[in-house]
Amino acid sequence: MTRNAEWPPRFVDHEYPQVIPEPDDIRRGAPAPWSLLGLERRQGFALDLVVSRMRASGRTFDVSSMPAEPVEMVGVADGAYQLITRKSAVLVALFEEDGETHVILTRRSLELSSHRGEIALPGGRSDADETPIDTALREAEEEVGLAPSLVEPVGWLSPIVTFASGSAIWPVVAILEGRPTLVADPAEVERVFTIPLSSLVSDDAFLEERWRREGLRPGADDDGYFPIYFFRVPGDVVWGATARVLTELLCVVAGVEWPDAHRLWS
């Protein structure tokens, strides 16, 4: 692996069970988009504040519709170019506790055939004629026992294409009245947990790396490097598509520019 000698080891003293399929060529990435914000601007993310900032950014259903297609990304960044033939949705389920907004996350079962052991938002493949909201609600109920009657979809984040599978993912943002009782389906989910958004923007939680693989990748710079985002969370690491979704959400909530807003993915 190509690394700067002064770059500390990745996730030093941080335990996580999943295998990250890193390439041989990795560079250090940019600091967290919110790194210049003072501590007072990286905490106290109440649910009303989250929704109001999503609305101000044009990402709530009362001011705009969810994008129909992820037209800015025609390929994938971690594999050969391929058509987008599979559509999925995930639920970014938020609730407030002690003045802080929390998000529901899962660790995928280590027995699954793909993305095993990875941290994910509840979600999955869309059935025929199913909307992203329908998919996100159905999958959240199947995976973690979250009843749709407890969920209020309020907005969306940018649809993306997963790096490995060419599956388009629509993130649906929803709010809950309080902390729900969650029961993981062991066939799909090894662990379900929640984490406050303020923890994800704390010092040392976020890491960006620049990866390079053989062949042209969408979103790459002139040297062929493309960004990969990570979050250190207790007992695990969030990366890949889930980290990209959370990065956009946190940029909106913190009031800073989202790094991928102007990235060219074609």
C-alpha atoms as a PDB file:
ATOM      1  CA  MET A   1       0.000   0.000   0.000  1.00  0.00           C
ATOM      2  CA  THR A   2       1.375   3.399  -0.954  1.00  0.00           C
ATOM      3  CA  ARG A   3       1.134   5.768   2.029  1.00  0.00           C
ATOM      4  CA  ASN A   4       2.876   8.884   3.256  1.00  0.00           C
ATOM      5  CA  ALA A   5       5.381   7.891   5.956  1.00  0.00           C
ATOM      6  CA  GLU A   6       4.017  10.568   8.298  1.00  0.00           C
ATOM      7  CA  TRP A   7       0.449   9.338   7.931  1.00  0.00           C
ATOM      8  CA  PRO A   8      -0.642   7.474  11.090  1.00  0.00           C
ATOM      9  CA  PRO A   9      -2.073   3.957  10.692  1.00  0.00           C
ATOM     10  CA  ARG A  10      -5.707   3.790   9.715  1.00  0.00           C
ATOM     11  CA  PHE A  11      -8.112   3.453  12.672  1.00  0.00           C
ATOM     12  CA  VAL A  12      -5.327   2.984  15.211  1.00  0.00           C
ATOM     13  CA  ASP A  13      -6.615   1.242  18.367  1.00  0.00           C
ATOM     14  CA  HIS A  14     -10.062   0.991  16.795  1.00  0.00           C
ATOM     15  CA  GLU A  15     -11.661  -2.444  16.559  1.00  0.00           C
ATOM     16  CA  TYR A  16     -14.042  -3.473  13.772  1.00  0.00           C
ATOM     17  CA  PRO A  17     -15.010  -6.891  12.373  1.00  0.00           C
ATOM     18  CA  GLN A  18     -15.537  -6.157   8.686  1.00  0.00           C
ATOM     19  CA  VAL A  19     -12.995  -6.516   5.893  1.00  0.00           C
ATOM     20  CA  ILE A  20     -12.369  -3.332   3.912  1.00  0.00           C
ATOM     21  CA  PRO A  21     -11.315  -4.197   0.329  1.00  0.00           C
ATOM     22  CA  GLU A  22      -8.672  -1.519   0.028  1.00  0.00           C
ATOM     23  CA  PRO A  23      -6.545  -1.111  -3.105  1.00  0.00           C
ATOM     24  CA  ASP A  24      -2.768  -1.023  -3.131  1.00  0.00           C
ATOM     25  CA  ASP A  25      -2.633   2.702  -3.860  1.00  0.00           C
ATOM     26  CA  ILE A  26      -4.115   4.990  -1.179  1.00  0.00           C
ATOM     27  CA  ARG A  27      -3.469   8.635  -0.432  1.00  0.00           C
ATOM     28  CA  ARG A  28      -4.527  10.760   2.466  1.00  0.00           C
ATOM     29  CA  GLY A  29      -7.717  12.689   1.742  1.00  0.00           C
ATOM     30  CA  ALA A  30      -9.104  16.045   2.786  1.00  0.00           C
ATOM     31  CA  PRO A  31     -10.065  16.983   6.354  1.00  0.00           C
ATOM     32  CA  ALA A  32     -13.675  16.640   7.436  1.00  0.00           C
ATOM     33  CA  PRO A  33     -15.891  19.218   5.700  1.00  0.00           C
ATOM     34  CA  TRP A  34     -16.884  20.543   9.141  1.00  0.00           C
ATOM     35  CA  SER A  35     -13.355  20.521  10.612  1.00  0.00           C
ATOM     36  CA  LEU A  36     -13.149  24.333  10.807  1.00  0.00           C
ATOM     37  CA  LEU A  37     -16.381  24.648  12.791  1.00  0.00           C
ATOM     38  CA  GLY A  38     -16.105  25.357  16.498  1.00  0.00           C
ATOM     39  CA  LEU A  39     -17.355  22.819  19.004  1.00  0.00           C
ATOM     40  CA  GLU A  40     -20.498  24.847  19.642  1.00  0.00           C
ATOM     41  CA  ARG A  41     -21.530  24.365  15.986  1.00  0.00           C
ATOM     42  CA  ARG A  42     -20.967  20.605  16.084  1.00  0.00           C
ATOM     43  CA  GLN A  43     -23.430  19.734  18.814  1.00  0.00           C
ATOM     44  CA  GLY A  44     -27.017  20.473  19.772  1.00  0.00           C
ATOM     45  CA  PHE A  45     -28.422  19.064  16.522  1.00  0.00           C
ATOM     46  CA  ALA A  46     -32.054  18.942  17.584  1.00  0.00           C
ATOM     47  CA  LEU A  47     -34.492  17.259  15.210  1.00  0.00           C
ATOM     48  CA  ASP A  48     -36.262  20.525  14.341  1.00  0.00           C
ATOM     49  CA  LEU A  49     -32.904  22.012  13.371  1.00  0.00           C
ATOM     50  CA  VAL A  50     -32.068  19.022  11.172  1.00  0.00           C
ATOM     51  CA  VAL A  51     -35.388  19.241   9.316  1.00  0.00           C
ATOM     52  CA  SER A  52     -35.200  23.021   8.927  1.00  0.00           C
ATOM     53  CA  ARG A  53     -31.707  22.846   7.440  1.00  0.00           C
ATOM     54  CA  MET A  54     -32.760  20.080   5.091  1.00  0.00           C
ATOM     55  CA  ARG A  55     -35.678  22.259   4.018  1.00  0.00           C
ATOM     56  CA  ALA A  56     -33.400  25.261   3.492  1.00  0.00           C
ATOM     57  CA  SER A  57     -31.185  23.090   1.274  1.00  0.00           C
ATOM     58  CA  GLY A  58     -34.170  22.002  -0.844  1.00  0.00           C
ATOM     59  CA  ARG A  59     -34.166  18.404   0.361  1.00  0.00           C
ATOM     60  CA  THR A  60     -37.612  18.078   1.972  1.00  0.00           C
ATOM     61  CA  PHE A  61     -40.725  16.816   0.207  1.00  0.00           C
ATOM     62  CA  ASP A  62     -42.681  19.993   0.929  1.00  0.00           C
ATOM     63  CA  VAL A  63     -40.291  22.044  -1.206  1.00  0.00           C
ATOM     64  CA  SER A  64     -38.993  19.571  -3.824  1.00  0.00           C
ATOM     65  CA  SER A  65     -39.389  16.072  -5.185  1.00  0.00           C
ATOM     66  CA  MET A  66     -36.853  13.306  -4.812  1.00  0.00           C
ATOM     67  CA  PRO A  67     -34.618  13.064  -7.905  1.00  0.00           C
ATOM     68  CA  ALA A  68     -35.936  10.451 -10.300  1.00  0.00           C
ATOM     69  CA  GLU A  69     -32.511   9.216 -11.392  1.00  0.00           C
ATOM     70  CA  PRO A  70     -28.904   9.584 -10.200  1.00  0.00           C
ATOM     71  CA  VAL A  71     -28.023  11.117 -13.564  1.00  0.00           C
ATOM     72  CA  GLU A  72     -24.712  12.541 -12.363  1.00  0.00           C
ATOM     73  CA  MET A  73     -23.263   9.045 -11.984  1.00  0.00           C
ATOM     74  CA  VAL A  74     -23.373   6.726 -14.966  1.00  0.00           C
ATOM     75  CA  GLY A  75     -20.924   4.132 -13.711  1.00  0.00           C
ATOM     76  CA  VAL A  76     -19.347   2.885 -10.542  1.00  0.00           C
ATOM     77  CA  ALA A  77     -16.099   3.870  -8.855  1.00  0.00           C
ATOM     78  CA  ASP A  78     -14.888   0.460  -7.773  1.00  0.00           C
ATOM     79  CA  GLY A  79     -15.159  -1.893 -10.683  1.00  0.00           C
ATOM     80  CA  ALA A  80     -15.783  -2.013 -14.409  1.00  0.00           C
ATOM     81  CA  TYR A  81     -18.379   0.304 -15.905  1.00  0.00           C
ATOM     82  CA  GLN A  82     -21.815  -1.253 -15.919  1.00  0.00           C
ATOM     83  CA  LEU A  83     -25.412  -0.244 -16.465  1.00  0.00           C
ATOM     84  CA  ILE A  84     -27.568   0.620 -13.461  1.00  0.00           C
ATOM     85  CA  THR A  85     -29.951  -2.315 -13.459  1.00  0.00           C
ATOM     86  CA  ARG A  86     -30.895  -2.536  -9.774  1.00  0.00           C
ATOM     87  CA  LYS A  87     -32.696   0.065  -7.695  1.00  0.00           C
ATOM     88  CA  SER A  88     -32.635   0.213  -3.915  1.00  0.00           C
ATOM     89  CA  ALA A  89     -33.599   2.563  -1.111  1.00  0.00           C
ATOM     90  CA  VAL A  90     -32.399   3.110   2.438  1.00  0.00           C
ATOM     91  CA  LEU A  91     -34.079   4.748   5.401  1.00  0.00           C
ATOM     92  CA  VAL A  92     -32.211   7.515   7.208  1.00  0.00           C
ATOM     93  CA  ALA A  93     -34.354   7.222  10.338  1.00  0.00           C
ATOM     94  CA  LEU A  94     -33.819  10.062  12.821  1.00  0.00           C
ATOM     95  CA  PHE A  95     -35.096  10.685  16.332  1.00  0.00           C
ATOM     96  CA  GLU A  96     -34.225  13.109  19.124  1.00  0.00           C
ATOM     97  CA  GLU A  97     -32.930  12.186  22.551  1.00  0.00           C
ATOM     98  CA  ASP A  98     -31.553  14.655  25.124  1.00  0.00           C
ATOM     99  CA  GLY A  99     -31.531  17.416  22.533  1.00  0.00           C
ATOM    100  CA  GLU A 100     -29.477  15.463  19.979  1.00  0.00           C
ATOM    101  CA  THR A 101     -30.632  13.759  16.801  1.00  0.00           C
ATOM    102  CA  HIS A 102     -29.700  10.083  16.468  1.00  0.00           C
ATOM    103  CA  VAL A 103     -29.620   7.906  13.338  1.00  0.00           C
ATOM    104  CA  ILE A 104     -30.374   4.169  13.148  1.00  0.00           C
ATOM    105  CA  LEU A 105     -27.605   1.972  11.731  1.00  0.00           C
ATOM    106  CA  THR A 106     -27.158  -1.758  11.264  1.00  0.00           C
ATOM    107  CA  ARG A 107     -24.279  -4.159  10.870  1.00  0.00           C
ATOM    108  CA  ARG A 108     -25.066  -6.558   8.053  1.00  0.00           C
ATOM    109  CA  SER A 109     -24.869 -10.256   8.833  1.00  0.00           C
ATOM    110  CA  LEU A 110     -21.509 -11.904   8.289  1.00  0.00           C
ATOM    111  CA  GLU A 111     -23.387 -14.745   6.558  1.00  0.00           C
ATOM    112  CA  LEU A 112     -24.663 -12.611   3.659  1.00  0.00           C
ATOM    113  CA  SER A 113     -23.188 -13.101   0.200  1.00  0.00           C
ATOM    114  CA  SER A 114     -22.326  -9.422  -0.339  1.00  0.00           C
ATOM    115  CA  HIS A 115     -21.303  -6.466   1.844  1.00  0.00           C
ATOM    116  CA  ARG A 116     -21.077  -8.863   4.781  1.00  0.00           C
ATOM    117  CA  GLY A 117     -20.355  -7.274   8.131  1.00  0.00           C
ATOM    118  CA  GLU A 118     -20.620  -3.732   6.776  1.00  0.00           C
ATOM    119  CA  ILE A 119     -22.426  -0.919   8.556  1.00  0.00           C
ATOM    120  CA  ALA A 120     -25.539   0.103   6.646  1.00  0.00           C
ATOM    121  CA  LEU A 121     -28.734   2.068   6.853  1.00  0.00           C
ATOM    122  CA  PRO A 122     -31.863  -0.111   6.895  1.00  0.00           C
ATOM    123  CA  GLY A 123     -32.825  -0.747   3.283  1.00  0.00           C
ATOM    124  CA  GLY A 124     -32.585  -2.992   0.276  1.00  0.00           C
ATOM    125  CA  ARG A 125     -33.695  -3.821  -3.249  1.00  0.00           C
ATOM    126  CA  SER A 126     -36.880  -2.260  -4.612  1.00  0.00           C
ATOM    127  CA  ASP A 127     -39.690  -4.474  -5.824  1.00  0.00           C
ATOM    128  CA  ALA A 128     -41.323  -3.789  -9.185  1.00  0.00           C
ATOM    129  CA  ASP A 129     -43.381  -0.570  -9.201  1.00  0.00           C
ATOM    130  CA  GLU A 130     -42.282   0.247  -5.650  1.00  0.00           C
ATOM    131  CA  THR A 131     -41.325   3.835  -4.779  1.00  0.00           C
ATOM    132  CA  PRO A 132     -38.152   4.566  -2.800  1.00  0.00           C
ATOM    133  CA  ILE A 133     -40.307   5.472   0.208  1.00  0.00           C
ATOM    134  CA  ASP A 134     -42.188   2.176  -0.063  1.00  0.00           C
ATOM    135  CA  THR A 135     -38.923   0.247  -0.264  1.00  0.00           C
ATOM    136  CA  ALA A 136     -37.264   2.069   2.627  1.00  0.00           C
ATOM    137  CA  LEU A 137     -40.268   1.568   4.931  1.00  0.00           C
ATOM    138  CA  ARG A 138     -40.702  -2.097   3.998  1.00  0.00           C
ATOM    139  CA  GLU A 139     -37.034  -2.945   4.405  1.00  0.00           C
ATOM    140  CA  ALA A 140     -36.751  -1.125   7.741  1.00  0.00           C
ATOM    141  CA  GLU A 141     -39.661  -3.132   9.076  1.00  0.00           C
ATOM    142  CA  GLU A 142     -38.202  -6.400   7.762  1.00  0.00           C
ATOM    143  CA  GLU A 143     -34.642  -5.783   8.956  1.00  0.00           C
ATOM    144  CA  VAL A 144     -35.087  -4.075  12.342  1.00  0.00           C
ATOM    145  CA  GLY A 145     -38.803  -4.294  13.137  1.00  0.00           C
ATOM    146  CA  LEU A 146     -39.499  -0.574  12.655  1.00  0.00           C
ATOM    147  CA  ALA A 147     -43.245  -0.258  12.046  1.00  0.00           C
ATOM    148  CA  PRO A 148     -44.107   2.090   9.144  1.00  0.00           C
ATOM    149  CA  SER A 149     -46.784   3.718  11.326  1.00  0.00           C
ATOM    150  CA  LEU A 150     -43.981   5.132  13.512  1.00  0.00           C
ATOM    151  CA  VAL A 151     -42.121   6.673  10.587  1.00  0.00           C
ATOM    152  CA  GLU A 152     -42.720  10.064   8.940  1.00  0.00           C
ATOM    153  CA  PRO A 153     -40.767  10.465   5.682  1.00  0.00           C
ATOM    154  CA  VAL A 154     -39.754  14.118   5.407  1.00  0.00           C
ATOM    155  CA  GLY A 155     -37.075  14.377   2.763  1.00  0.00           C
ATOM    156  CA  TRP A 156     -34.315  12.891   0.700  1.00  0.00           C
ATOM    157  CA  LEU A 157     -30.585  12.862   0.087  1.00  0.00           C
ATOM    158  CA  SER A 158     -28.887  12.520  -3.275  1.00  0.00           C
ATOM    159  CA  PRO A 159     -29.358   9.144  -4.960  1.00  0.00           C
ATOM    160  CA  ILE A 160     -26.034   7.440  -5.526  1.00  0.00           C
ATOM    161  CA  VAL A 161     -24.563   4.375  -7.202  1.00  0.00           C
ATOM    162  CA  THR A 162     -22.762   1.864  -5.033  1.00  0.00           C
ATOM    163  CA  PHE A 163     -19.088   1.415  -5.854  1.00  0.00           C
ATOM    164  CA  ALA A 164     -19.170  -2.348  -6.312  1.00  0.00           C
ATOM    165  CA  SER A 165     -22.585  -3.400  -7.573  1.00  0.00           C
ATOM    166  CA  GLY A 166     -23.916  -0.677  -9.864  1.00  0.00           C
ATOM    167  CA  SER A 167     -27.094  -0.506  -7.797  1.00  0.00           C
ATOM    168  CA  ALA A 168     -28.704   2.924  -7.530  1.00  0.00           C
ATOM    169  CA  ILE A 169     -29.690   3.854  -3.975  1.00  0.00           C
ATOM    170  CA  TRP A 170     -32.282   6.437  -2.967  1.00  0.00           C
ATOM    171  CA  PRO A 171     -31.832   7.654   0.653  1.00  0.00           C
ATOM    172  CA  VAL A 172     -35.161   8.560   2.285  1.00  0.00           C
ATOM    173  CA  VAL A 173     -34.916  10.753   5.397  1.00  0.00           C
ATOM    174  CA  ALA A 174     -37.604  10.166   8.011  1.00  0.00           C
ATOM    175  CA  ILE A 175     -38.315  11.233  11.583  1.00  0.00           C
ATOM    176  CA  LEU A 176     -39.595   9.275  14.578  1.00  0.00           C
ATOM    177  CA  GLU A 177     -41.310  10.625  17.679  1.00  0.00           C
ATOM    178  CA  GLY A 178     -38.766   8.985  19.972  1.00  0.00           C
ATOM    179  CA  ARG A 179     -36.345   6.102  20.387  1.00  0.00           C
ATOM    180  CA  PRO A 180     -38.003   3.034  18.869  1.00  0.00           C
ATOM    181  CA  THR A 181     -37.831  -0.549  20.041  1.00  0.00           C
ATOM    182  CA  LEU A 182     -35.803  -2.352  17.391  1.00  0.00           C
ATOM    183  CA  VAL A 183     -35.429  -6.093  16.799  1.00  0.00           C
ATOM    184  CA  ALA A 184     -32.869  -7.222  14.237  1.00  0.00           C
ATOM    185  CA  ASP A 185     -33.680  -9.993  11.769  1.00  0.00           C
ATOM    186  CA  PRO A 186     -30.662 -12.286  12.304  1.00  0.00           C
ATOM    187  CA  ALA A 187     -30.801 -13.516   8.716  1.00  0.00           C
ATOM    188  CA  GLU A 188     -29.846 -10.038   7.524  1.00  0.00           C
ATOM    189  CA  VAL A 189     -28.678  -7.976  10.480  1.00  0.00           C
ATOM    190  CA  GLU A 190     -26.088  -8.898  13.099  1.00  0.00           C
ATOM    191  CA  ARG A 191     -26.444  -5.697  15.107  1.00  0.00           C
ATOM    192  CA  VAL A 192     -28.727  -2.649  15.183  1.00  0.00           C
ATOM    193  CA  PHE A 193     -27.640   0.479  17.004  1.00  0.00           C
ATOM    194  CA  THR A 194     -28.033   4.254  17.019  1.00  0.00           C
ATOM    195  CA  ILE A 195     -25.526   7.076  17.156  1.00  0.00           C
ATOM    196  CA  PRO A 196     -25.979  10.840  17.594  1.00  0.00           C
ATOM    197  CA  LEU A 197     -25.106  13.014  14.614  1.00  0.00           C
ATOM    198  CA  SER A 198     -22.918  15.129  16.894  1.00  0.00           C
ATOM    199  CA  SER A 199     -20.675  12.086  17.466  1.00  0.00           C
ATOM    200  CA  LEU A 200     -20.139  11.716  13.727  1.00  0.00           C
ATOM    201  CA  VAL A 201     -18.866  15.307  13.442  1.00  0.00           C
ATOM    202  CA  SER A 202     -16.670  15.090  16.530  1.00  0.00           C
ATOM    203  CA  ASP A 203     -12.894  15.284  16.254  1.00  0.00           C
ATOM    204  CA  ASP A 204     -11.272  12.131  14.811  1.00  0.00           C
ATOM    205  CA  ALA A 205     -14.577  10.504  13.776  1.00  0.00           C
ATOM    206  CA  PHE A 206     -14.276  11.237  10.043  1.00  0.00           C
ATOM    207  CA  LEU A 207     -11.584  10.116   7.638  1.00  0.00           C
ATOM    208  CA  GLU A 208     -11.269  10.649   3.901  1.00  0.00           C
ATOM    209  CA  GLU A 209      -8.910   8.582   1.795  1.00  0.00           C
ATOM    210  CA  ARG A 210      -8.140   8.833  -1.913  1.00  0.00           C
ATOM    211  CA  TRP A 211      -8.113   5.443  -3.602  1.00  0.00           C
ATOM    212  CA  ARG A 212      -6.814   4.489  -7.035  1.00  0.00           C
ATOM    213  CA  ARG A 213      -7.478   1.274  -8.938  1.00  0.00           C
ATOM    214  CA  GLU A 214      -6.645   0.145 -12.442  1.00  0.00           C
ATOM    215  CA  GLY A 215      -8.785   1.777 -15.099  1.00  0.00           C
ATOM    216  CA  LEU A 216     -10.775   5.010 -15.159  1.00  0.00           C
ATOM    217  CA  ARG A 217     -13.214   5.522 -12.286  1.00  0.00           C
ATOM    218  CA  PRO A 218     -16.094   8.019 -12.103  1.00  0.00           C
ATOM    219  CA  GLY A 219     -15.384  10.823  -9.668  1.00  0.00           C
ATOM    220  CA  ALA A 220     -11.610  10.406  -9.994  1.00  0.00           C
ATOM    221  CA  ASP A 221      -9.205  13.327 -10.231  1.00  0.00           C
ATOM    222  CA  ASP A 222      -6.659  13.776 -13.004  1.00  0.00           C
ATOM    223  CA  ASP A 223      -4.344  11.299 -11.289  1.00  0.00           C
ATOM    224  CA  GLY A 224      -7.025   8.636 -11.037  1.00  0.00           C
ATOM    225  CA  TYR A 225      -7.778   8.970  -7.306  1.00  0.00           C
ATOM    226  CA  PHE A 226     -11.366   8.994  -6.049  1.00  0.00           C
ATOM    227  CA  PRO A 227     -12.644   9.773  -2.532  1.00  0.00           C
ATOM    228  CA  ILE A 228     -13.678   7.192   0.049  1.00  0.00           C
ATOM    229  CA  TYR A 229     -15.244   8.343   3.313  1.00  0.00           C
ATOM    230  CA  PHE A 230     -15.080   6.633   6.716  1.00  0.00           C
ATOM    231  CA  PHE A 231     -16.532   7.212  10.171  1.00  0.00           C
ATOM    232  CA  ARG A 232     -15.166   5.665  13.336  1.00  0.00           C
ATOM    233  CA  VAL A 233     -18.080   4.538  15.506  1.00  0.00           C
ATOM    234  CA  PRO A 234     -17.971   2.458  18.701  1.00  0.00           C
ATOM    235  CA  GLY A 235     -17.025  -1.095  17.752  1.00  0.00           C
ATOM    236  CA  ASP A 236     -17.058  -0.523  14.010  1.00  0.00           C
ATOM    237  CA  VAL A 237     -16.270   1.607  10.956  1.00  0.00           C
ATOM    238  CA  VAL A 238     -18.804   3.123   8.569  1.00  0.00           C
ATOM    239  CA  TRP A 239     -17.570   3.425   5.002  1.00  0.00           C
ATOM    240  CA  GLY A 240     -18.681   3.211   1.362  1.00  0.00           C
ATOM    241  CA  ALA A 241     -22.182   4.208   0.307  1.00  0.00           C
ATOM    242  CA  THR A 242     -23.437   4.584   3.890  1.00  0.00           C
ATOM    243  CA  ALA A 243     -20.612   6.966   4.743  1.00  0.00           C
ATOM    244  CA  ARG A 244     -21.337   9.014   1.626  1.00  0.00           C
ATOM    245  CA  VAL A 245     -25.016   9.347   2.569  1.00  0.00           C
ATOM    246  CA  LEU A 246     -24.127  10.369   6.125  1.00  0.00           C
ATOM    247  CA  THR A 247     -21.532  12.854   4.890  1.00  0.00           C
ATOM    248  CA  GLU A 248     -24.136  14.662   2.797  1.00  0.00           C
ATOM    249  CA  LEU A 249     -26.603  14.705   5.705  1.00  0.00           C
ATOM    250  CA  LEU A 250     -23.991  16.040   8.129  1.00  0.00           C
ATOM    251  CA  CYS A 251     -22.863  18.754   5.713  1.00  0.00           C
ATOM    252  CA  VAL A 252     -26.466  19.941   5.368  1.00  0.00           C
ATOM    253  CA  VAL A 253     -27.030  19.862   9.130  1.00  0.00           C
ATOM    254  CA  ALA A 254     -23.723  21.569   9.956  1.00  0.00           C
ATOM    255  CA  GLY A 255     -24.213  24.189   7.256  1.00  0.00           C
ATOM    256  CA  VAL A 256     -21.038  23.458   5.287  1.00  0.00           C
ATOM    257  CA  GLU A 257     -20.456  22.612   1.630  1.00  0.00           C
ATOM    258  CA  TRP A 258     -20.933  18.982   0.674  1.00  0.00           C
ATOM    259  CA  PRO A 259     -17.702  17.872  -1.103  1.00  0.00           C
ATOM    260  CA  ASP A 260     -19.558  15.807  -3.703  1.00  0.00           C
ATOM    261  CA  ALA A 261     -21.939  18.607  -4.715  1.00  0.00           C
ATOM    262  CA  HIS A 262     -19.817  19.546  -7.734  1.00  0.00           C
ATOM    263  CA  ARG A 263     -17.909  16.332  -8.331  1.00  0.00           C
ATOM    264  CA  LEU A 264     -18.042  14.937 -11.855  1.00  0.00           C
ATOM    265  CA  TRP A 265     -19.120  11.300 -11.792  1.00  0.00           C
ATOM    266  CA  SER A 266     -19.440  10.652 -15.518  1.00  0.00           C
END
